[in-house]
Amino acid sequence: MLNLVLFGPPGAGKGTQSENLINKYNLTHISTGDLFRKHIGEKTALGKTAQKFMDEGNLVPDEIVIGMVDDKIHSTSNTNGFIFDGFPRTIAQAKALDALMAKNNTQINTMLALKVSEEELMKRLLNRGKTSGRIDDQNEEKIRNRINVYNNETTPVANYYASQQKLNSVKGVGSIEEIFESLSKIVDTHL
């Protein structure tokens, strides 16, 4: 089974590249945001618990998030593996994900980290803000804050995967095809 963690700051191209990877390698996309919406919408036990924490303004505990990921893994068939998008965000989540994968007789093969300069991210996001209408992509201060939060949160997780020799950084600037080719070369080494 092929299991990838896709990382990159806002505007790095994760959405575009994850779609390409999903289509090429027959992977299932796992986004914690999507899982929250699904479980809350379906009023599952995990969703009700997550909603309670969110309504109180608190982060959803890792064990609830991992429970949702576990449910997704077990309810998915006919896949060659999973691509994790925006998860794990902390070392505790990365360790819990490793334990979950081991329980399912598999592992995270690699973390793909898209590297893009802050100036380029700013340009991309402001442009996306003009075309998408997304409010969070229209304010430079908010964009800088999102990039800073990303850098502060993900650096420890990247270091965690680097300590396992699973971190692969890819230049996220160039054509979509060039970036995808670079990602594919890395993924192909894990087949």
Protein backbone atom coordinates (compact mmCIF):
# COMPACT_ATOMS: atom_id res chain seq x y z
CA MET A 1 0.00 0.00 0.00
CA LEU A 2 1.24 3.49 -0.91
CA ASN A 3 0.65 6.13 1.78
CA LEU A 4 1.74 9.74 1.32
CA VAL A 5 1.65 12.84 3.47
CA LEU A 6 1.39 15.98 1.31
CA PHE A 7 2.58 19.18 2.96
CA GLY A 8 2.95 22.71 1.79
CA PRO A 9 1.98 26.20 2.87
CA PRO A 10 -1.24 27.84 1.70
CA GLY A 11 -0.92 28.50 -2.03
CA ALA A 12 1.81 25.92 -2.65
CA GLY A 13 -0.37 23.87 -5.01
CA LYS A 14 -1.34 20.98 -2.73
CA GLY A 15 -4.88 20.80 -4.11
CA THR A 16 -3.75 20.60 -7.71
CA GLN A 17 -0.94 18.14 -7.05
CA SER A 18 -2.97 15.91 -4.73
CA GLU A 19 -5.57 15.49 -7.50
CA ASN A 20 -2.80 14.50 -9.94
CA LEU A 21 -1.32 12.00 -7.46
CA ILE A 22 -4.75 10.54 -6.64
CA ASN A 23 -5.52 9.99 -10.32
CA LYS A 24 -2.13 8.57 -11.29
CA TYR A 25 -1.69 6.19 -8.35
CA ASN A 26 -5.35 5.38 -7.48
CA LEU A 27 -5.06 6.86 -3.99
CA THR A 28 -7.79 7.91 -1.60
CA HIS A 29 -7.67 11.51 -0.36
CA ILE A 30 -7.89 11.98 3.40
CA SER A 31 -8.47 15.55 4.55
CA THR A 32 -9.37 16.12 8.18
CA GLY A 33 -11.63 19.01 7.16
CA ASP A 34 -13.60 16.68 4.88
CA LEU A 35 -13.76 14.04 7.63
CA PHE A 36 -15.08 16.57 10.16
CA ARG A 37 -17.79 17.73 7.74
CA LYS A 38 -18.79 14.13 6.95
CA HIS A 39 -19.01 12.93 10.55
CA ILE A 40 -20.72 16.09 11.81
CA GLY A 41 -23.15 16.06 8.87
CA GLU A 42 -23.99 12.39 9.42
CA LYS A 43 -24.22 12.95 13.19
CA THR A 44 -21.95 9.99 13.94
CA ALA A 45 -20.69 9.48 17.50
CA LEU A 46 -17.29 10.86 16.45
CA GLY A 47 -18.98 13.80 14.72
CA LYS A 48 -21.10 14.67 17.76
CA THR A 49 -18.02 14.56 20.00
CA ALA A 50 -16.01 16.69 17.57
CA GLN A 51 -18.88 19.20 17.30
CA LYS A 52 -19.00 19.53 21.08
CA PHE A 53 -15.32 20.51 21.22
CA MET A 54 -15.66 22.87 18.26
CA ASP A 55 -18.76 24.55 19.73
CA GLU A 56 -16.75 25.27 22.87
CA GLY A 57 -13.99 26.84 20.75
CA ASN A 58 -11.56 24.03 21.45
CA LEU A 59 -9.42 21.93 19.13
CA VAL A 60 -10.75 18.45 18.46
CA PRO A 61 -8.56 16.00 20.44
CA ASP A 62 -6.15 13.84 18.45
CA GLU A 63 -7.90 10.59 19.43
CA ILE A 64 -11.13 11.83 17.79
CA VAL A 65 -9.27 12.85 14.62
CA ILE A 66 -7.42 9.52 14.51
CA GLY A 67 -10.75 7.73 15.03
CA MET A 68 -12.12 9.48 11.95
CA VAL A 69 -9.01 8.59 9.95
CA ASP A 70 -9.28 4.97 11.10
CA ASP A 71 -12.95 4.89 10.05
CA LYS A 72 -12.03 6.27 6.61
CA ILE A 73 -9.28 3.68 6.12
CA HIS A 74 -11.60 0.82 7.09
CA SER A 75 -14.51 2.05 4.98
CA THR A 76 -12.40 2.45 1.83
CA SER A 77 -11.92 -0.37 -0.64
CA ASN A 78 -10.39 -0.60 -4.11
CA THR A 79 -7.54 1.81 -3.41
CA ASN A 80 -3.78 1.57 -3.72
CA GLY A 81 -3.29 3.71 -0.63
CA PHE A 82 -3.96 7.08 0.93
CA ILE A 83 -2.79 10.65 0.56
CA PHE A 84 -3.03 12.67 3.77
CA ASP A 85 -3.63 16.37 3.21
CA GLY A 86 -3.19 18.81 6.09
CA PHE A 87 -2.67 15.96 8.53
CA PRO A 88 -0.75 15.25 10.68
CA ARG A 89 -0.18 18.78 12.01
CA THR A 90 1.65 17.86 15.22
CA ILE A 91 4.23 15.29 16.26
CA ALA A 92 1.61 13.66 18.50
CA GLN A 93 -0.66 13.25 15.47
CA ALA A 94 2.23 11.89 13.38
CA LYS A 95 3.01 9.29 16.06
CA ALA A 96 -0.67 8.36 16.36
CA LEU A 97 -0.90 8.05 12.57
CA ASP A 98 2.18 5.80 12.53
CA ALA A 99 0.58 3.59 15.19
CA LEU A 100 -2.70 3.47 13.26
CA MET A 101 -0.91 2.55 10.04
CA ALA A 102 1.09 -0.17 11.83
CA LYS A 103 -2.17 -1.55 13.26
CA ASN A 104 -3.35 -1.82 9.66
CA ASN A 105 -0.09 -3.51 8.56
CA THR A 106 1.10 -0.55 6.52
CA GLN A 107 3.06 2.66 6.98
CA ILE A 108 3.58 6.20 5.71
CA ASN A 109 5.97 5.81 2.77
CA THR A 110 6.98 9.43 2.35
CA MET A 111 6.16 13.01 3.18
CA LEU A 112 6.14 15.24 0.12
CA ALA A 113 6.74 18.88 1.07
CA LEU A 114 6.14 21.55 -1.56
CA LYS A 115 8.62 24.41 -1.12
CA VAL A 116 7.59 27.86 -2.34
CA SER A 117 9.01 31.26 -1.32
CA GLU A 118 6.84 33.53 0.78
CA GLU A 119 6.84 36.14 -2.00
CA GLU A 120 5.52 33.62 -4.52
CA LEU A 121 2.89 32.37 -2.05
CA MET A 122 1.74 35.94 -1.45
CA LYS A 123 1.43 36.54 -5.20
CA ARG A 124 -0.48 33.29 -5.77
CA LEU A 125 -2.86 33.77 -2.87
CA LEU A 126 -3.66 37.39 -3.66
CA ASN A 127 -4.35 36.32 -7.25
CA ARG A 128 -6.52 33.44 -6.05
CA GLY A 129 -8.35 35.90 -3.79
CA LYS A 130 -9.28 37.99 -6.85
CA THR A 131 -10.62 35.02 -8.81
CA SER A 132 -12.10 32.79 -6.07
CA GLY A 133 -13.66 35.38 -3.83
CA ARG A 134 -12.00 33.78 -0.80
CA ILE A 135 -11.75 36.49 1.85
CA ASP A 136 -8.73 34.84 3.53
CA ASP A 137 -6.80 35.20 0.25
CA GLN A 138 -7.44 38.94 -0.12
CA ASN A 139 -5.58 40.36 2.88
CA GLU A 140 -1.76 40.35 3.01
CA GLU A 141 -1.65 40.39 6.81
CA LYS A 142 -3.98 37.38 7.06
CA ILE A 143 -1.97 35.54 4.42
CA ARG A 144 1.31 36.20 6.27
CA ASN A 145 -0.28 34.97 9.49
CA ARG A 146 -1.46 31.74 7.79
CA ILE A 147 2.02 31.17 6.39
CA ASN A 148 3.60 31.79 9.81
CA VAL A 149 1.16 29.39 11.50
CA TYR A 150 1.96 26.79 8.84
CA ASN A 151 5.72 27.24 9.31
CA ASN A 152 5.49 27.04 13.10
CA GLU A 153 3.16 24.04 13.15
CA THR A 154 4.69 21.94 10.43
CA THR A 155 8.42 22.37 10.99
CA PRO A 156 8.38 19.88 13.90
CA VAL A 157 6.32 17.40 11.86
CA ALA A 158 8.69 17.72 8.89
CA ASN A 159 11.60 17.10 11.27
CA TYR A 160 9.79 14.03 12.62
CA TYR A 161 9.55 12.52 9.13
CA ALA A 162 13.09 13.63 8.31
CA SER A 163 14.31 11.62 11.32
CA GLN A 164 12.71 8.56 9.65
CA GLN A 165 14.29 9.44 6.27
CA LYS A 166 10.80 9.98 4.85
CA LEU A 167 10.90 13.72 4.14
CA ASN A 168 11.18 14.70 0.49
CA SER A 169 11.10 18.38 -0.42
CA VAL A 170 10.04 19.39 -3.90
CA LYS A 171 10.37 22.80 -5.50
CA GLY A 172 6.79 23.99 -5.87
CA VAL A 173 7.59 26.58 -8.55
CA GLY A 174 7.37 25.85 -12.27
CA SER A 175 4.67 24.40 -14.43
CA ILE A 176 2.10 22.08 -12.89
CA GLU A 177 3.49 19.30 -15.07
CA GLU A 178 7.11 19.89 -13.99
CA ILE A 179 6.18 19.86 -10.31
CA PHE A 180 4.05 16.75 -10.77
CA GLU A 181 6.92 15.01 -12.58
CA SER A 182 9.23 15.77 -9.64
CA LEU A 183 6.66 14.40 -7.18
CA SER A 184 6.06 11.30 -9.31
CA LYS A 185 9.77 10.48 -9.45
CA ILE A 186 9.82 10.37 -5.63
CA VAL A 187 6.59 8.39 -5.36
CA ASP A 188 7.77 5.89 -7.98
CA THR A 189 10.71 4.95 -5.71
CA HIS A 190 8.16 3.67 -3.16
CA LEU A 191 6.23 1.38 -5.52
